[in-house]
Protein backbone atom coordinates (compact mmCIF):
# COMPACT_ATOMS: atom_id res chain seq x y z
CA MET A 1 -0.24 -0.12 -0.10
CA GLY A 2 1.28 3.39 -1.19
CA ILE A 3 1.54 6.76 0.57
CA LYS A 4 -1.12 8.06 -1.05
CA ALA A 5 -3.42 4.80 -0.46
CA ILE A 6 -2.71 5.33 3.13
CA PHE A 7 -4.13 8.80 3.17
CA ASP A 8 -7.10 7.72 0.70
CA ILE A 9 -10.70 7.90 2.09
CA HIS A 10 -11.80 5.28 -0.03
CA THR A 11 -9.54 2.76 0.77
CA TRP A 12 -10.33 3.23 4.93
CA SER A 13 -14.00 3.14 3.92
CA ALA A 14 -13.37 -0.38 2.14
CA VAL A 15 -12.00 -1.71 5.57
CA PRO A 16 -14.49 -4.78 6.95
CA PHE A 17 -17.25 -3.24 9.58
CA HIS A 18 -16.49 -6.16 11.88
CA LEU A 19 -12.69 -4.97 11.82
CA TRP A 20 -13.68 -1.68 12.68
CA SER A 21 -15.90 -3.34 15.75
CA VAL A 22 -12.74 -5.10 17.04
CA CYS A 23 -10.96 -1.57 16.86
CA PHE A 24 -13.42 -0.17 18.93
CA PHE A 25 -13.85 -2.96 21.24
CA VAL A 26 -9.70 -2.83 21.50
CA LEU A 27 -9.87 0.56 21.97
CA GLY A 28 -13.03 0.22 24.69
CA CYS A 29 -10.78 -1.66 27.40
CA MET A 30 -7.70 0.85 26.69
CA VAL A 31 -10.21 3.61 27.98
CA GLY A 32 -11.80 1.39 30.48
CA SER A 33 -8.14 0.97 32.47
CA PHE A 34 -8.05 4.85 32.22
CA LEU A 35 -11.61 5.14 33.36
CA ASN A 36 -10.46 3.28 36.40
CA VAL A 37 -7.39 5.37 37.40
CA CYS A 38 -10.26 8.38 37.15
CA ILE A 39 -12.74 6.45 39.53
CA TYR A 40 -9.89 5.81 42.13
CA ARG A 41 -8.15 9.55 41.98
CA MET A 42 -11.08 11.98 41.18
CA PRO A 43 -13.06 11.49 44.48
CA SER A 44 -9.59 11.99 46.64
CA GLY A 45 -8.75 15.34 44.15
CA MET A 46 -5.45 13.58 42.82
CA SER A 47 -3.77 14.43 39.49
CA ILE A 48 -5.35 11.87 36.88
CA ILE A 49 -2.04 12.04 35.24
CA SER A 50 0.90 11.96 38.00
CA PRO A 51 2.36 9.76 39.26
CA PRO A 52 1.98 6.91 36.62
CA SER A 53 0.20 3.81 37.57
CA HIS A 54 0.86 1.96 40.76
CA CYS A 55 -0.10 -0.58 43.38
CA PRO A 56 -1.87 1.59 46.32
CA ASN A 57 -0.38 -1.13 48.44
CA CYS A 58 3.44 -0.95 47.87
CA LYS A 59 3.82 1.93 45.21
CA TYR A 60 5.16 -0.24 42.98
CA SER A 61 4.92 1.43 39.31
CA ILE A 62 3.21 -0.91 37.09
CA PRO A 63 5.46 -1.34 33.90
CA TRP A 64 3.97 -1.08 30.19
CA TYR A 65 3.44 -5.25 29.59
CA LEU A 66 1.72 -5.25 33.63
CA ASN A 67 -0.52 -2.67 32.25
CA VAL A 68 -2.53 -4.45 29.06
CA PRO A 69 -6.22 -4.30 29.83
CA LEU A 70 -8.21 -7.43 30.99
CA GLY A 71 -4.99 -9.74 30.53
CA THR A 72 -2.84 -8.49 32.84
CA TRP A 73 -5.46 -8.70 35.45
CA LEU A 74 -6.07 -12.12 34.72
CA VAL A 75 -2.43 -13.37 34.20
CA LEU A 76 -2.00 -12.07 37.68
CA ARG A 77 -5.12 -13.19 39.13
CA GLY A 78 -6.42 -10.25 40.48
CA ARG A 79 -3.26 -9.34 42.46
CA CYS A 80 -0.25 -7.23 42.96
CA LYS A 81 2.82 -8.48 41.26
CA ASN A 82 5.11 -7.19 43.69
CA CYS A 83 3.35 -7.00 46.84
CA GLY A 84 0.90 -9.74 46.22
CA VAL A 85 -2.06 -7.69 47.71
CA PRO A 86 -5.42 -8.36 45.86
CA ILE A 87 -6.36 -6.00 43.10
CA SER A 88 -10.32 -5.38 43.10
CA ALA A 89 -12.73 -6.81 40.49
CA ARG A 90 -13.84 -3.23 39.94
CA TYR A 91 -10.37 -2.88 37.69
CA PHE A 92 -11.48 -5.96 35.22
CA LEU A 93 -14.81 -4.94 34.92
CA VAL A 94 -14.60 -1.00 34.22
CA GLU A 95 -12.72 -2.74 31.61
CA ILE A 96 -14.91 -5.00 29.81
CA LEU A 97 -17.57 -2.87 30.35
CA THR A 98 -16.09 -0.16 28.53
CA GLY A 99 -14.90 -2.26 25.93
CA LEU A 100 -18.29 -3.55 25.40
CA MET A 101 -20.06 -0.22 25.83
CA PHE A 102 -17.52 1.30 22.61
CA LEU A 103 -18.59 -1.43 20.98
CA CYS A 104 -22.63 -1.46 21.32
CA ALA A 105 -22.10 2.48 20.38
CA TRP A 106 -20.04 1.34 17.15
CA PHE A 107 -22.94 -1.12 16.21
CA LYS A 108 -25.87 1.07 17.03
CA PHE A 109 -24.38 4.60 15.48
CA GLY A 110 -21.70 2.65 13.17
CA SER A 111 -22.73 2.20 9.55
CA PRO A 112 -21.73 -0.96 7.59
CA ALA A 113 -22.21 1.04 4.33
CA HIS A 114 -20.27 4.04 5.21
CA PRO A 115 -18.26 2.78 8.34
CA LEU A 116 -15.71 5.31 7.83
CA TYR A 117 -18.45 8.26 7.97
CA SER A 118 -20.10 6.83 11.00
CA ILE A 119 -16.71 6.42 13.38
CA PRO A 120 -16.85 10.28 14.28
CA LEU A 121 -20.68 9.72 15.94
CA ALA A 122 -20.19 6.44 17.21
CA LEU A 123 -16.97 7.87 18.92
CA VAL A 124 -18.59 10.63 20.60
CA TYR A 125 -21.35 8.51 22.00
CA ALA A 126 -18.38 6.24 23.12
CA VAL A 127 -17.02 9.73 24.95
CA PHE A 128 -20.53 10.09 26.51
CA LEU A 129 -20.90 6.24 27.45
CA SER A 130 -17.60 6.58 29.41
CA GLY A 131 -18.33 9.36 31.19
CA LEU A 132 -21.79 7.96 32.63
CA ILE A 133 -19.14 4.49 33.32
CA VAL A 134 -16.80 6.88 35.71
CA ALA A 135 -19.76 8.75 36.87
CA THR A 136 -21.44 5.62 38.18
CA PHE A 137 -18.82 3.60 40.04
CA ILE A 138 -17.91 7.35 41.71
CA ASP A 139 -21.40 7.81 42.93
CA PHE A 140 -22.22 4.20 44.34
CA GLU A 141 -18.74 4.32 46.89
CA HIS A 142 -18.47 7.90 47.54
CA PHE A 143 -22.16 9.87 46.86
CA ILE A 144 -20.48 12.30 44.79
CA ILE A 145 -20.35 13.24 41.44
CA PRO A 146 -16.96 15.14 41.02
CA ASP A 147 -17.33 18.43 38.61
CA GLU A 148 -15.14 17.32 36.43
CA ILE A 149 -17.26 15.06 35.08
CA THR A 150 -20.66 17.18 35.54
CA PHE A 151 -19.28 20.76 34.24
CA GLY A 152 -17.02 18.90 31.64
CA GLY A 153 -19.67 16.85 30.69
CA ILE A 154 -21.64 20.26 29.91
CA GLY A 155 -19.22 21.78 27.76
CA VAL A 156 -17.82 19.05 25.67
CA GLY A 157 -21.66 17.97 25.03
CA LEU A 158 -22.18 21.49 24.02
CA LEU A 159 -18.63 21.81 21.82
CA LEU A 160 -19.55 18.30 20.09
CA SER A 161 -23.13 19.13 19.12
CA PHE A 162 -21.89 22.11 17.51
CA LEU A 163 -18.83 20.96 16.11
CA LEU A 164 -20.94 17.37 15.04
CA PRO A 165 -24.84 18.68 15.40
CA GLN A 166 -25.66 14.98 14.11
CA LEU A 167 -25.83 14.33 17.38
CA GLN A 168 -28.68 16.59 17.74
CA ASP A 169 -30.15 15.13 14.83
CA THR A 170 -30.00 18.04 12.18
CA PRO A 171 -27.18 18.88 9.91
CA TRP A 172 -26.80 22.23 10.90
CA HIS A 173 -23.99 23.76 13.57
CA GLY A 174 -26.34 26.19 15.32
CA PRO A 175 -29.58 24.60 16.04
CA GLY A 176 -26.89 21.11 17.45
CA LEU A 177 -25.75 23.75 19.93
CA VAL A 178 -29.07 25.32 20.40
CA ARG A 179 -30.63 21.81 21.19
CA SER A 180 -27.74 20.97 22.98
CA PHE A 181 -27.97 24.11 25.22
CA THR A 182 -31.43 23.54 25.56
CA GLY A 183 -31.54 19.56 26.99
CA ALA A 184 -28.89 21.57 29.53
CA VAL A 185 -31.08 23.70 30.73
CA VAL A 186 -33.99 21.90 30.88
CA GLY A 187 -32.02 19.03 32.56
CA ALA A 188 -30.91 21.09 35.21
CA GLY A 189 -34.10 22.96 35.26
CA ILE A 190 -36.24 19.75 36.25
CA VAL A 191 -34.20 18.13 38.63
CA TYR A 192 -33.56 21.40 40.80
CA ALA A 193 -37.09 21.90 40.58
CA ILE A 194 -37.09 18.54 42.35
CA LEU A 195 -35.00 18.92 44.49
CA ARG A 196 -36.52 22.13 45.65
CA LEU A 197 -39.82 20.10 46.32
CA GLY A 198 -38.34 17.17 47.73
CA LYS A 199 -36.71 19.97 50.27
CA LEU A 200 -40.04 20.88 51.32
CA LEU A 201 -42.26 18.06 51.37
CA PHE A 202 -39.33 15.74 53.26
CA GLY A 203 -36.68 18.04 54.41
CA ARG A 204 -36.29 16.81 57.87
CA HIS A 205 -35.32 13.72 59.01
CA ARG A 206 -36.51 12.60 62.94
CA LEU A 207 -34.07 10.32 63.96
CA LYS A 208 -35.29 8.49 67.41
CA LEU A 209 -32.32 7.55 69.73
CA GLU A 210 -32.21 4.40 72.12
CA GLY A 211 -32.64 5.96 75.50
CA GLN A 212 -30.26 8.87 75.95
CA THR A 213 -27.66 8.38 73.78
CA ARG A 214 -24.59 10.53 73.43
CA ILE A 215 -23.76 12.31 70.36
CA VAL A 216 -20.55 14.40 69.30
CA PHE A 217 -20.02 17.38 66.67
CA SER A 218 -16.86 17.29 65.90
CA GLU A 219 -15.20 20.47 63.61
CA THR A 220 -15.93 18.06 60.27
CA ALA A 221 -19.21 16.07 60.99
CA LEU A 222 -22.05 14.70 63.44
CA HIS A 223 -21.33 11.58 64.96
CA LEU A 224 -23.69 9.05 66.23
CA PRO A 225 -23.43 5.80 67.73
CA ASP A 226 -24.12 4.10 64.12
CA ARG A 227 -22.40 6.34 61.76
CA GLU A 228 -20.63 9.61 60.92
CA ILE A 229 -22.14 12.18 58.81
CA PRO A 230 -20.09 14.27 57.23
CA TYR A 231 -21.78 18.17 57.60
CA ASP A 232 -21.16 18.69 53.69
CA GLU A 233 -24.11 16.23 53.65
CA LEU A 234 -26.38 17.83 55.72
CA PHE A 235 -26.03 21.49 55.34
CA TYR A 236 -26.89 22.12 51.35
CA ARG A 237 -27.94 25.83 52.07
CA LYS A 238 -27.77 28.26 55.17
CA SER A 239 -30.88 27.69 56.32
CA ASP A 240 -30.29 23.57 57.11
CA THR A 241 -30.61 23.14 60.59
CA ILE A 242 -29.82 20.54 62.96
CA ILE A 243 -31.64 20.39 65.76
CA LEU A 244 -32.19 18.53 69.11
CA GLU A 245 -33.75 18.58 72.89
CA ALA A 246 -30.37 17.87 75.12
CA ARG A 247 -29.92 16.58 77.94
CA THR A 248 -27.24 17.88 78.53
CA VAL A 249 -24.62 19.58 76.43
CA GLU A 250 -20.80 19.64 77.12
CA LEU A 251 -18.07 22.05 75.25
CA ILE A 252 -14.71 22.34 75.90
CA ASP A 253 -15.20 25.22 78.61
CA ARG A 254 -18.54 25.09 80.12
CA GLY A 255 -22.11 23.09 79.96
CA TYR A 256 -25.56 23.05 79.69
CA LYS A 257 -28.47 20.79 80.68
CA ASP A 258 -32.05 20.50 79.48
CA VAL A 259 -31.90 22.78 76.29
CA THR A 260 -32.97 22.96 73.02
CA VAL A 261 -29.75 23.03 70.57
CA LYS A 262 -30.05 24.49 66.98
CA LEU A 263 -26.88 24.18 64.91
CA SER A 264 -26.84 25.80 60.89
CA PRO A 265 -24.01 26.59 58.70
CA SER A 266 -23.78 30.04 60.30
CA MET A 267 -25.21 29.93 63.91
CA LEU A 268 -25.14 27.58 66.77
CA ASP A 269 -28.12 28.59 69.38
CA ILE A 270 -27.95 26.83 72.81
CA ASP A 271 -31.08 27.67 74.47
CA GLY A 272 -31.39 31.23 73.23
CA GLU A 273 -27.72 31.62 73.20
CA LYS A 274 -25.49 32.42 69.60
CA LEU A 275 -22.33 31.13 69.19
CA GLU A 276 -20.17 31.05 65.92
CA PRO A 277 -19.86 27.29 64.72
CA ALA A 278 -16.40 27.57 63.52
CA GLU A 279 -15.27 28.67 67.27
CA ILE A 280 -16.59 25.48 68.59
CA SER A 281 -14.23 22.45 67.67
CA PHE A 282 -16.17 19.93 69.92
CA MET A 283 -19.56 19.36 71.40
CA GLU A 284 -21.12 16.58 73.23
CA CYS A 285 -24.64 16.41 73.74
CA VAL A 286 -27.09 13.39 75.48
CA SER A 287 -30.32 13.21 73.92
CA ALA A 288 -33.11 10.81 72.69
CA GLU A 289 -34.26 12.35 69.32
CA ILE A 290 -32.48 14.80 66.79
CA VAL A 291 -33.68 16.31 63.49
CA ILE A 292 -31.19 16.56 60.66
CA PRO A 293 -31.80 18.07 57.61
CA ARG A 294 -32.08 15.80 54.04
CA GLU A 295 -32.02 16.59 50.52
CA ALA A 296 -34.47 14.77 47.74
CA MET A 297 -31.12 14.46 45.32
CA GLY A 298 -28.11 16.21 45.57
CA LEU A 299 -26.96 19.32 43.55
CA GLY A 300 -24.31 16.76 41.71
CA ASP A 301 -27.17 15.25 40.48
CA VAL A 302 -28.92 18.40 38.60
CA LYS A 303 -25.31 19.18 37.40
CA PHE A 304 -24.94 15.49 36.09
CA MET A 305 -28.61 15.66 34.36
CA SER A 306 -27.50 18.89 32.81
CA ALA A 307 -24.53 17.49 31.18
CA ILE A 308 -26.64 14.30 29.86
CA GLY A 309 -29.25 17.04 28.29
CA ALA A 310 -26.13 18.51 26.89
CA PHE A 311 -25.85 15.45 24.73
CA ILE A 312 -29.19 13.54 24.14
CA GLY A 313 -31.47 16.80 24.46
CA TRP A 314 -34.63 17.89 26.28
CA GLN A 315 -36.36 14.78 24.64
CA GLY A 316 -33.60 12.36 26.29
CA VAL A 317 -33.73 14.17 29.65
CA VAL A 318 -37.40 13.69 30.12
CA PHE A 319 -37.32 9.89 29.28
CA THR A 320 -34.17 9.63 31.71
CA LEU A 321 -35.84 11.28 34.35
CA MET A 322 -38.94 9.10 33.85
CA ILE A 323 -37.18 5.89 33.99
CA SER A 324 -34.49 6.79 36.48
CA SER A 325 -36.89 7.38 38.93
CA MET A 326 -38.39 4.01 38.46
CA ILE A 327 -35.67 2.23 38.25
CA GLY A 328 -34.51 4.08 41.66
CA ALA A 329 -37.83 3.17 43.09
CA GLY A 330 -37.53 -0.32 42.05
CA VAL A 331 -34.44 -0.80 43.29
CA GLY A 332 -34.86 0.91 46.74
CA LEU A 333 -37.96 -0.98 47.65
CA LEU A 334 -36.50 -4.45 46.63
CA LEU A 335 -33.57 -3.43 49.49
CA ILE A 336 -36.05 -2.81 52.03
CA LEU A 337 -37.86 -5.65 51.43
CA MET A 338 -34.42 -8.04 51.61
CA HIS A 339 -33.47 -6.10 54.96
CA ARG A 340 -30.17 -4.44 52.89
CA ARG A 341 -31.56 -0.62 53.56
CA GLU A 342 -33.55 1.29 55.88
CA PHE A 343 -36.48 3.71 54.49
CA SER A 344 -34.57 6.55 55.28
CA SER A 345 -31.04 5.93 54.52
CA ARG A 346 -29.14 7.16 51.28
CA MET A 347 -28.69 5.85 48.46
CA PRO A 348 -26.80 7.28 45.34
CA TYR A 349 -29.32 8.10 42.16
CA GLY A 350 -26.41 8.86 39.83
CA PRO A 351 -26.15 5.50 38.82
CA TYR A 352 -29.77 5.08 37.82
CA ILE A 353 -29.76 8.31 35.55
CA ALA A 354 -27.08 7.09 33.76
CA LEU A 355 -28.94 3.75 33.20
CA ALA A 356 -31.68 5.38 32.30
CA ALA A 357 -29.89 7.27 29.36
CA VAL A 358 -28.48 4.01 28.47
CA ALA A 359 -31.82 3.10 27.79
CA TRP A 360 -32.55 6.44 25.65
CA LEU A 361 -29.48 5.98 23.52
CA PHE A 362 -30.01 2.25 22.41
CA ILE A 363 -33.76 1.83 23.12
CA GLY A 364 -35.79 5.17 23.78
CA LYS A 365 -34.65 7.42 21.06
CA LYS A 366 -35.72 5.01 18.59
CA TYR A 367 -39.61 4.39 19.58
CA PHE A 368 -39.97 8.06 20.57
CA LEU A 369 -38.96 9.11 17.16
CA GLN A 370 -41.41 6.55 15.72
CA LEU A 371 -44.43 7.86 18.05
CA TYR A 372 -43.51 11.65 17.99
CA GLY A 373 -41.35 11.65 14.68
């Protein structure tokens, strides 16, 4: 093959469809290896570039020949070659899942008649699916969706919808950008409205404690007998307040008996005495009940739905929200019936949004267009 033939578009168009399928799967597995880095490092604020891949236990720097997607984990039987500590099966799962998602994107959006022309669209959707995978695994483990995924997803979705307007089912760049922006706004707007309504209806959770229970307020978290809740998860807005009727209250330099305690981000009120929370490093209370603020959803879900809307438009947002709520409710009810969680316990919503978005991409969009064309 001459140099001219290498750069001839007709030459590449002659490549068999399923050879491209293999390329997409292999590329997906390689991307999955990088996604594992993102899943591990992003929640901790670590760089996803430096240092290079290494064992978290012994810090052994992994050479390239021991960093082959899928193969290395199987050959080493899920253990570090240097120290022998088990490597989570999540690494293998994310790699093969990403490979399969890339392959599905190619099968769905690749064209056997014009494979080369359909590669950009399939790659864009593969990028979108990669973001969903990272968000899902991080949210399951840490109950957060990093801004790099949400804000980054919004920006990338808007840019790619302009450069490749077929993403928004239009041949024109301007309308592609407008539809992407509309999807992002509708996605954020609907979920934020649900968040506010949920706060109004279910914004307080009353916890009954056994007898008179010791409750500790440290500088960073509320410590209950069975769990520790960071203040970041309790105080979403300035008006959020923790309330309890305390038998005793002990500060470092003083004590109280039979008082009402109210703690918000800006004020500690102990029976009318106003104190600055930042100046109180430790407080211990004894009470039989505590009322804590809670959210129906988090701001991360608002931003995540906005990023999804930037890729799949407002129709996809509506479908995703409806299906994700049904999936989340079904899973939550099943876990309650199996006694795996309590009715009031937290449950990550991002993974169900991601699953519903995948359903729209591969199933829902087709039937929506058929019905409402």
